[in-house]
Structure formats: C-alpha cells, structure tokens
Amino acid sequence: MPRKKEDMIVDAAVERALANLGGVLSPGALESLRRSGRLALKLDPRAQEIIRMLKDRPSVQRSGILGTSDEEEDDDGALGGGRER
C-alpha cells in the first residue's frame, strides 16, 4: 500500500529537522525524537494547514506534466495523467 502524501511530508520535515543530530545522539534517542516530531506535526493545527497546502500543490512528474492527485502520483508518470503546462 502506498504511503499517504501527508505522511511523506511529515517524515521529510522531521528528517530535515534531525539531520545534524545523527552524529550526536544515539539511534534510540533519534527514533524517540522522530516519533515526537511526527506526533507534534500531526496534532498541531498550524502544521496541519501547511501540510494540506503542500499536499494539494501539484507535483511535476515529467517535464511539462503536472500531477494533481495521489492517484496520478502512483501512476509512475504515465502519459495523459496530468495537465500540460
């Protein structure tokens, strides 16, 4: 089952926030911070608003083709699935 786009956005934000801590903290401490970060982003109303905006933003799948839904993203860039610019 493909992961939700919201989860991928949250995971990417958490990984960016923790990127410089890998050499300082133990793997267990990093995983604890990952869980806390994910939970905080999923519960904060402002963070959810930003995640919705990012999720709804069209993604470029191929040069000149924009994807507009999760279904089209799972399509692996098949022609005809997106709008041309």
C-alpha atoms as a PDB file:
ATOM      1  CA  MET A   1       0.000   0.000   0.000  1.00  0.00           C
ATOM      2  CA  PRO A   2       1.478   3.389  -0.972  1.00  0.00           C
ATOM      3  CA  ARG A   3       2.172   5.823   1.824  1.00  0.00           C
ATOM      4  CA  LYS A   4      -0.016   8.893   2.182  1.00  0.00           C
ATOM      5  CA  LYS A   5       1.453  12.097   0.852  1.00  0.00           C
ATOM      6  CA  GLU A   6       0.813  13.738   4.251  1.00  0.00           C
ATOM      7  CA  ASP A   7       2.987  11.101   5.949  1.00  0.00           C
ATOM      8  CA  MET A   8       5.785  11.616   3.442  1.00  0.00           C
ATOM      9  CA  ILE A   9       5.682  15.400   4.024  1.00  0.00           C
ATOM     10  CA  VAL A  10       5.765  14.955   7.809  1.00  0.00           C
ATOM     11  CA  ASP A  11       8.604  12.413   7.612  1.00  0.00           C
ATOM     12  CA  ALA A  12      10.659  14.685   5.342  1.00  0.00           C
ATOM     13  CA  ALA A  13      10.191  17.645   7.698  1.00  0.00           C
ATOM     14  CA  VAL A  14      11.217  15.578  10.727  1.00  0.00           C
ATOM     15  CA  GLU A  15      14.283  14.180   8.944  1.00  0.00           C
ATOM     16  CA  ARG A  16      15.367  17.704   7.910  1.00  0.00           C
ATOM     17  CA  ALA A  17      14.987  18.894  11.482  1.00  0.00           C
ATOM     18  CA  LEU A  18      17.071  15.998  12.851  1.00  0.00           C
ATOM     19  CA  ALA A  19      19.655  15.817  10.060  1.00  0.00           C
ATOM     20  CA  ASN A  20      22.515  17.327  12.073  1.00  0.00           C
ATOM     21  CA  LEU A  21      21.887  15.264  15.200  1.00  0.00           C
ATOM     22  CA  GLY A  22      22.822  11.855  13.778  1.00  0.00           C
ATOM     23  CA  GLY A  23      26.406  12.005  14.984  1.00  0.00           C
ATOM     24  CA  VAL A  24      25.495  13.400  18.394  1.00  0.00           C
ATOM     25  CA  LEU A  25      22.572  11.298  19.607  1.00  0.00           C
ATOM     26  CA  SER A  26      22.127   7.553  19.935  1.00  0.00           C
ATOM     27  CA  PRO A  27      19.882   5.761  17.427  1.00  0.00           C
ATOM     28  CA  GLY A  28      17.308   5.238  20.191  1.00  0.00           C
ATOM     29  CA  ALA A  29      17.243   8.930  21.073  1.00  0.00           C
ATOM     30  CA  LEU A  30      16.906   9.850  17.386  1.00  0.00           C
ATOM     31  CA  GLU A  31      13.980   7.463  16.941  1.00  0.00           C
ATOM     32  CA  SER A  32      12.299   8.918  20.021  1.00  0.00           C
ATOM     33  CA  LEU A  33      12.687  12.429  18.572  1.00  0.00           C
ATOM     34  CA  ARG A  34      11.324  11.207  15.221  1.00  0.00           C
ATOM     35  CA  ARG A  35       8.203   9.830  16.897  1.00  0.00           C
ATOM     36  CA  SER A  36       7.739  13.013  18.937  1.00  0.00           C
ATOM     37  CA  GLY A  37       8.257  15.211  15.870  1.00  0.00           C
ATOM     38  CA  ARG A  38       5.778  13.253  13.776  1.00  0.00           C
ATOM     39  CA  LEU A  39       3.182  13.369  16.527  1.00  0.00           C
ATOM     40  CA  ALA A  40       3.678  17.096  17.081  1.00  0.00           C
ATOM     41  CA  LEU A  41       3.266  17.851  13.359  1.00  0.00           C
ATOM     42  CA  LYS A  42       0.179  15.650  13.094  1.00  0.00           C
ATOM     43  CA  LEU A  43      -1.503  17.286  16.114  1.00  0.00           C
ATOM     44  CA  ASP A  44      -0.630  20.948  15.576  1.00  0.00           C
ATOM     45  CA  PRO A  45      -3.421  22.761  13.673  1.00  0.00           C
ATOM     46  CA  ARG A  46      -0.994  25.212  12.025  1.00  0.00           C
ATOM     47  CA  ALA A  47       1.279  22.400  10.894  1.00  0.00           C
ATOM     48  CA  GLN A  48      -1.739  20.539   9.500  1.00  0.00           C
ATOM     49  CA  GLU A  49      -2.736  23.607   7.488  1.00  0.00           C
ATOM     50  CA  ILE A  50       0.743  23.824   5.963  1.00  0.00           C
ATOM     51  CA  ILE A  51       0.795  20.085   5.249  1.00  0.00           C
ATOM     52  CA  ARG A  52      -2.579  20.375   3.470  1.00  0.00           C
ATOM     53  CA  MET A  53      -1.241  23.210   1.320  1.00  0.00           C
ATOM     54  CA  LEU A  54       1.865  21.192   0.431  1.00  0.00           C
ATOM     55  CA  LYS A  55      -0.179  18.065  -0.251  1.00  0.00           C
ATOM     56  CA  ASP A  56      -2.558  19.884  -2.582  1.00  0.00           C
ATOM     57  CA  ARG A  57       0.245  21.566  -4.528  1.00  0.00           C
ATOM     58  CA  PRO A  58       0.679  19.962  -7.955  1.00  0.00           C
ATOM     59  CA  SER A  59       3.882  17.997  -8.360  1.00  0.00           C
ATOM     60  CA  VAL A  60       5.931  17.920 -11.540  1.00  0.00           C
ATOM     61  CA  GLN A  61       6.071  14.328 -12.690  1.00  0.00           C
ATOM     62  CA  ARG A  62       7.742  14.819 -16.041  1.00  0.00           C
ATOM     63  CA  SER A  63       8.832  17.900 -17.832  1.00  0.00           C
ATOM     64  CA  GLY A  64       5.672  19.832 -18.653  1.00  0.00           C
ATOM     65  CA  ILE A  65       3.261  17.431 -16.902  1.00  0.00           C
ATOM     66  CA  LEU A  66       1.742  18.310 -13.519  1.00  0.00           C
ATOM     67  CA  GLY A  67       0.206  15.732 -11.193  1.00  0.00           C
ATOM     68  CA  THR A  68      -2.778  16.834  -9.158  1.00  0.00           C
ATOM     69  CA  SER A  69      -3.814  13.824  -7.087  1.00  0.00           C
ATOM     70  CA  ASP A  70      -2.370  10.903  -5.154  1.00  0.00           C
ATOM     71  CA  GLU A  71      -3.779   8.568  -7.801  1.00  0.00           C
ATOM     72  CA  GLU A  72      -1.732  10.245 -10.520  1.00  0.00           C
ATOM     73  CA  GLU A  73       1.416  10.058  -8.398  1.00  0.00           C
ATOM     74  CA  ASP A  74       1.044   6.300  -8.054  1.00  0.00           C
ATOM     75  CA  ASP A  75       0.680   6.192 -11.826  1.00  0.00           C
ATOM     76  CA  ASP A  76       4.520   6.331 -12.265  1.00  0.00           C
ATOM     77  CA  GLY A  77       4.240   9.247 -14.677  1.00  0.00           C
ATOM     78  CA  ALA A  78       2.082   7.575 -17.299  1.00  0.00           C
ATOM     79  CA  LEU A  79       1.193   9.942 -20.103  1.00  0.00           C
ATOM     80  CA  GLY A  80      -2.224  11.541 -20.038  1.00  0.00           C
ATOM     81  CA  GLY A  81      -2.455  11.517 -16.240  1.00  0.00           C
ATOM     82  CA  GLY A  82      -1.512  15.131 -15.685  1.00  0.00           C
ATOM     83  CA  ARG A  83      -2.135  18.556 -17.106  1.00  0.00           C
ATOM     84  CA  GLU A  84       0.345  20.002 -19.538  1.00  0.00           C
ATOM     85  CA  ARG A  85       1.741  23.454 -18.938  1.00  0.00           C
END
